[in-house]
């Protein structure tokens, strides 16, 4: 009888080992999937942020955070005149206020 049980015991052991191997692959796949999802979310967030910055006029080419002029130094017609910190804009604001 022990001869008959020996293959069965080996079969059960192999099944248990295969189940452990499948569990390890599943954990690996879960981690890969999570990292892929994180990468996609990061790319989407950065793309959305850049798009919002472009639409909001906060990009450097629109006279954004680096305080560069986007209006060829014609401050009176600039849409950012009220928020601009450049000396020319301050002079234009003072001139506008003195006219009013």
N, C-alpha and C. Protein backbone atom coordinates (compact mmCIF):
# COMPACT_ATOMS: atom_id res chain seq x y z
N UNK A 1 0.79 -1.19 0.00
CA UNK A 1 0.00 0.00 0.00
C UNK A 1 0.84 1.26 0.00
N UNK A 2 1.97 1.22 0.59
CA UNK A 2 2.79 2.42 0.62
C UNK A 2 3.29 2.76 -0.78
N UNK A 3 3.43 1.73 -1.65
CA UNK A 3 3.84 2.01 -3.03
C UNK A 3 2.75 2.78 -3.78
N UNK A 4 1.51 2.45 -3.52
CA UNK A 4 0.42 3.15 -4.18
C UNK A 4 0.28 4.59 -3.64
N UNK A 5 0.55 4.79 -2.36
CA UNK A 5 0.41 6.12 -1.78
C UNK A 5 1.56 7.04 -2.17
N UNK A 6 2.69 6.46 -2.50
CA UNK A 6 3.85 7.27 -2.84
C UNK A 6 3.60 8.15 -4.06
N UNK A 7 3.10 7.65 -5.18
CA UNK A 7 2.83 8.55 -6.30
C UNK A 7 1.75 9.59 -5.97
N UNK A 8 0.76 9.18 -5.21
CA UNK A 8 -0.29 10.12 -4.82
C UNK A 8 0.30 11.24 -3.96
N UNK A 9 1.18 10.88 -3.02
CA UNK A 9 1.80 11.90 -2.18
C UNK A 9 2.65 12.84 -3.02
N UNK A 10 3.38 12.30 -3.98
CA UNK A 10 4.18 13.15 -4.86
C UNK A 10 3.27 14.07 -5.70
N UNK A 11 2.16 13.51 -6.15
CA UNK A 11 1.22 14.30 -6.93
C UNK A 11 0.68 15.48 -6.11
N UNK A 12 0.30 15.19 -4.86
CA UNK A 12 -0.23 16.25 -4.00
C UNK A 12 0.85 17.29 -3.70
N UNK A 13 2.08 16.82 -3.51
CA UNK A 13 3.18 17.76 -3.25
C UNK A 13 3.42 18.64 -4.47
N UNK A 14 3.40 18.03 -5.66
CA UNK A 14 3.58 18.82 -6.87
C UNK A 14 2.44 19.83 -7.06
N UNK A 15 1.23 19.42 -6.73
CA UNK A 15 0.10 20.34 -6.83
C UNK A 15 0.27 21.52 -5.86
N UNK A 16 0.73 21.23 -4.66
CA UNK A 16 0.94 22.29 -3.67
C UNK A 16 2.06 23.23 -4.13
N UNK A 17 3.13 22.65 -4.69
CA UNK A 17 4.23 23.49 -5.19
C UNK A 17 3.77 24.34 -6.37
N UNK A 18 2.94 23.77 -7.23
CA UNK A 18 2.43 24.53 -8.37
C UNK A 18 1.52 25.66 -7.90
N UNK A 19 0.73 25.40 -6.87
CA UNK A 19 -0.13 26.45 -6.33
C UNK A 19 0.71 27.59 -5.74
N UNK A 20 1.81 27.25 -5.05
CA UNK A 20 2.70 28.28 -4.52
C UNK A 20 3.35 29.08 -5.65
N UNK A 21 3.75 28.39 -6.71
CA UNK A 21 4.36 29.08 -7.84
C UNK A 21 3.35 30.01 -8.51
N UNK A 22 2.11 29.57 -8.65
CA UNK A 22 1.07 30.42 -9.23
C UNK A 22 0.79 31.63 -8.35
N UNK A 23 0.84 31.43 -7.04
CA UNK A 23 0.63 32.56 -6.13
C UNK A 23 1.75 33.58 -6.27
N UNK A 24 3.00 33.12 -6.45
CA UNK A 24 4.12 34.04 -6.62
C UNK A 24 3.97 34.81 -7.92
N UNK A 25 3.55 34.15 -8.97
CA UNK A 25 3.34 34.83 -10.24
C UNK A 25 2.21 35.84 -10.10
N UNK A 26 1.18 35.51 -9.39
CA UNK A 26 0.07 36.42 -9.20
C UNK A 26 0.51 37.68 -8.46
N UNK A 27 1.31 37.52 -7.43
CA UNK A 27 1.82 38.69 -6.70
C UNK A 27 2.67 39.55 -7.61
N UNK A 28 3.49 38.90 -8.41
CA UNK A 28 4.34 39.62 -9.35
C UNK A 28 3.49 40.40 -10.36
N UNK A 29 2.47 39.75 -10.87
CA UNK A 29 1.58 40.41 -11.82
C UNK A 29 0.83 41.57 -11.18
N UNK A 30 0.43 41.40 -9.94
CA UNK A 30 -0.25 42.48 -9.23
C UNK A 30 0.68 43.68 -9.08
N UNK A 31 1.92 43.43 -8.72
CA UNK A 31 2.89 44.53 -8.59
C UNK A 31 3.14 45.20 -9.94
N UNK A 32 3.31 44.41 -10.98
CA UNK A 32 3.52 44.98 -12.31
C UNK A 32 2.32 45.83 -12.74
N UNK A 33 1.14 45.29 -12.52
CA UNK A 33 -0.07 46.03 -12.88
C UNK A 33 -0.20 47.33 -12.09
N UNK A 34 0.14 47.27 -10.81
CA UNK A 34 0.08 48.47 -9.99
C UNK A 34 1.07 49.52 -10.44
N UNK A 35 2.28 49.08 -10.78
CA UNK A 35 3.29 50.03 -11.27
C UNK A 35 2.91 50.60 -12.63
N UNK A 36 2.33 49.77 -13.49
CA UNK A 36 1.86 50.29 -14.77
C UNK A 36 0.77 51.33 -14.58
N UNK A 37 -0.16 51.04 -13.69
CA UNK A 37 -1.22 51.98 -13.40
C UNK A 37 -0.68 53.28 -12.83
N UNK A 38 0.30 53.18 -11.95
CA UNK A 38 0.92 54.37 -11.38
C UNK A 38 1.63 55.19 -12.45
N UNK A 39 2.30 54.51 -13.37
CA UNK A 39 2.98 55.21 -14.46
C UNK A 39 1.98 55.93 -15.36
N UNK A 40 0.89 55.27 -15.69
CA UNK A 40 -0.13 55.89 -16.54
C UNK A 40 -0.77 57.07 -15.83
N UNK A 41 -1.05 56.92 -14.53
CA UNK A 41 -1.64 58.03 -13.77
C UNK A 41 -0.68 59.21 -13.69
N UNK A 42 0.61 58.94 -13.52
CA UNK A 42 1.61 60.01 -13.46
C UNK A 42 1.69 60.75 -14.79
N UNK A 43 1.73 59.99 -15.87
CA UNK A 43 1.79 60.62 -17.20
C UNK A 43 0.53 61.45 -17.45
N UNK A 44 -0.62 60.93 -17.07
CA UNK A 44 -1.87 61.67 -17.27
C UNK A 44 -1.88 62.94 -16.41
N UNK A 45 -1.39 62.85 -15.17
CA UNK A 45 -1.37 64.01 -14.29
C UNK A 45 -0.43 65.10 -14.83
N UNK A 46 0.75 64.70 -15.27
CA UNK A 46 1.71 65.68 -15.80
C UNK A 46 1.16 66.31 -17.08
N UNK A 47 0.56 65.52 -17.94
CA UNK A 47 -0.03 66.05 -19.16
C UNK A 47 -1.16 67.03 -18.85
N UNK A 48 -2.01 66.66 -17.90
CA UNK A 48 -3.09 67.55 -17.51
C UNK A 48 -2.58 68.85 -16.90
N UNK A 49 -1.57 68.75 -16.07
CA UNK A 49 -1.00 69.94 -15.44
C UNK A 49 -0.39 70.87 -16.49
N UNK A 50 0.35 70.29 -17.44
CA UNK A 50 0.94 71.12 -18.49
C UNK A 50 -0.14 71.77 -19.36
N UNK A 51 -1.19 71.03 -19.66
CA UNK A 51 -2.29 71.59 -20.43
C UNK A 51 -2.99 72.70 -19.68
N UNK A 52 -3.23 72.51 -18.40
CA UNK A 52 -3.87 73.54 -17.59
C UNK A 52 -3.00 74.79 -17.52
N UNK A 53 -1.69 74.58 -17.35
CA UNK A 53 -0.78 75.72 -17.30
C UNK A 53 -0.82 76.50 -18.60
N UNK A 54 -0.89 75.78 -19.69
CA UNK A 54 -0.93 76.44 -20.99
C UNK A 54 -2.23 77.23 -21.16
N UNK A 55 -3.34 76.65 -20.76
CA UNK A 55 -4.63 77.34 -20.88
C UNK A 55 -4.75 78.49 -19.90
N UNK A 56 -4.15 78.36 -18.73
CA UNK A 56 -4.25 79.40 -17.70
C UNK A 56 -3.29 80.54 -17.95
N UNK A 57 -2.36 80.36 -18.88
CA UNK A 57 -1.41 81.42 -19.17
C UNK A 57 -0.26 81.48 -18.19
N UNK A 58 0.05 80.36 -17.52
CA UNK A 58 1.15 80.35 -16.56
C UNK A 58 2.43 79.79 -17.14
N UNK A 59 2.47 79.54 -18.42
CA UNK A 59 3.70 79.01 -18.99
C UNK A 59 4.68 80.14 -19.24
N UNK A 60 5.96 79.86 -19.27
CA UNK A 60 6.95 80.92 -19.46
C UNK A 60 6.75 81.72 -20.72
N UNK A 61 6.23 81.12 -21.78
CA UNK A 61 6.04 81.89 -23.01
C UNK A 61 4.89 82.87 -22.89
N UNK A 62 4.06 82.69 -21.87
CA UNK A 62 2.95 83.62 -21.64
C UNK A 62 3.24 84.60 -20.51
N UNK A 63 4.50 84.75 -20.18
CA UNK A 63 4.85 85.67 -19.10
C UNK A 63 4.53 85.08 -17.74
N UNK A 64 4.75 83.80 -17.59
CA UNK A 64 4.40 83.11 -16.37
C UNK A 64 5.39 83.31 -15.25
N UNK A 65 5.68 82.25 -14.51
CA UNK A 65 6.45 82.35 -13.29
C UNK A 65 7.84 82.97 -13.45
N UNK A 66 8.43 82.91 -14.64
CA UNK A 66 9.76 83.51 -14.77
C UNK A 66 9.67 85.00 -15.09
N UNK A 67 8.46 85.55 -15.15
CA UNK A 67 8.21 86.98 -15.35
C UNK A 67 8.80 87.51 -16.64
N UNK A 68 8.72 86.72 -17.68
CA UNK A 68 9.16 87.21 -18.99
C UNK A 68 7.96 87.86 -19.67
N UNK A 69 8.23 88.78 -20.53
CA UNK A 69 7.16 89.52 -21.20
C UNK A 69 6.73 88.77 -22.46
N UNK A 70 5.42 88.64 -22.62
CA UNK A 70 4.90 87.97 -23.81
C UNK A 70 4.23 88.96 -24.75
N UNK A 71 4.18 90.23 -24.39
CA UNK A 71 3.46 91.21 -25.19
C UNK A 71 4.35 92.19 -25.91
N UNK A 72 5.58 91.81 -26.18
CA UNK A 72 6.54 92.68 -26.86
C UNK A 72 6.69 94.02 -26.15
N UNK A 73 6.56 93.98 -24.84
CA UNK A 73 6.74 95.15 -23.97
C UNK A 73 5.69 96.22 -24.21
N UNK A 74 4.55 95.84 -24.72
CA UNK A 74 3.43 96.77 -24.86
C UNK A 74 2.48 96.47 -23.69
N UNK A 75 2.76 97.10 -22.58
CA UNK A 75 2.07 96.75 -21.34
C UNK A 75 0.61 97.19 -21.32
N UNK A 76 0.28 98.25 -21.99
CA UNK A 76 -1.09 98.77 -21.91
C UNK A 76 -2.11 97.81 -22.50
N UNK A 77 -1.72 96.97 -23.44
CA UNK A 77 -2.67 96.03 -24.04
C UNK A 77 -2.47 94.60 -23.53
N UNK A 78 -1.63 94.43 -22.54
CA UNK A 78 -1.35 93.08 -22.02
C UNK A 78 -2.45 92.62 -21.08
N UNK A 79 -2.85 91.38 -21.21
CA UNK A 79 -3.90 90.85 -20.35
C UNK A 79 -3.40 90.54 -18.95
N UNK A 80 -2.09 90.56 -18.75
CA UNK A 80 -1.53 90.25 -17.43
C UNK A 80 -0.99 91.49 -16.72
N UNK A 81 -1.40 92.63 -17.17
CA UNK A 81 -0.86 93.88 -16.64
C UNK A 81 -1.09 94.00 -15.13
N UNK A 82 -2.26 93.64 -14.66
CA UNK A 82 -2.57 93.81 -13.24
C UNK A 82 -1.74 92.92 -12.33
N UNK A 83 -1.25 91.79 -12.82
CA UNK A 83 -0.50 90.86 -11.99
C UNK A 83 1.00 90.89 -12.26
N UNK A 84 1.43 91.64 -13.24
CA UNK A 84 2.84 91.61 -13.66
C UNK A 84 3.70 92.38 -12.66
N UNK A 85 4.92 91.84 -12.42
CA UNK A 85 5.83 92.47 -11.46
C UNK A 85 7.00 93.17 -12.16
N UNK A 86 7.00 93.17 -13.47
CA UNK A 86 8.08 93.82 -14.19
C UNK A 86 7.97 95.35 -14.05
N UNK A 87 9.10 96.03 -14.01
CA UNK A 87 9.09 97.48 -13.81
C UNK A 87 8.28 98.23 -14.89
N UNK A 88 8.33 97.76 -16.12
CA UNK A 88 7.59 98.42 -17.19
C UNK A 88 6.09 98.33 -16.93
N UNK A 89 5.64 97.19 -16.40
CA UNK A 89 4.22 97.03 -16.09
C UNK A 89 3.82 97.93 -14.93
N UNK A 90 4.69 98.07 -13.95
CA UNK A 90 4.39 98.96 -12.83
C UNK A 90 4.26 100.40 -13.31
N UNK A 91 5.12 100.79 -14.23
CA UNK A 91 5.04 102.14 -14.80
C UNK A 91 3.75 102.31 -15.59
N UNK A 92 3.36 101.29 -16.35
CA UNK A 92 2.13 101.36 -17.13
C UNK A 92 0.91 101.44 -16.21
N UNK A 93 0.92 100.71 -15.10
CA UNK A 93 -0.18 100.79 -14.15
C UNK A 93 -0.26 102.17 -13.52
N UNK A 94 0.89 102.72 -13.14
CA UNK A 94 0.92 104.06 -12.56
C UNK A 94 0.41 105.09 -13.56
N UNK A 95 0.79 104.97 -14.82
CA UNK A 95 0.34 105.90 -15.86
C UNK A 95 -1.16 105.75 -16.07
N UNK A 96 -1.67 104.55 -16.04
CA UNK A 96 -3.10 104.32 -16.21
C UNK A 96 -3.88 104.91 -15.06
N UNK A 97 -3.36 104.74 -13.84
CA UNK A 97 -4.06 105.28 -12.67
C UNK A 97 -4.03 106.80 -12.65
N UNK A 98 -2.95 107.39 -13.13
CA UNK A 98 -2.85 108.86 -13.14
C UNK A 98 -3.79 109.47 -14.19
N UNK A 99 -4.10 108.71 -15.26
CA UNK A 99 -5.03 109.19 -16.28
C UNK A 99 -6.47 109.14 -15.81
N UNK A 100 -6.74 108.26 -14.89
CA UNK A 100 -8.14 108.07 -14.45
C UNK A 100 -8.51 109.03 -13.39
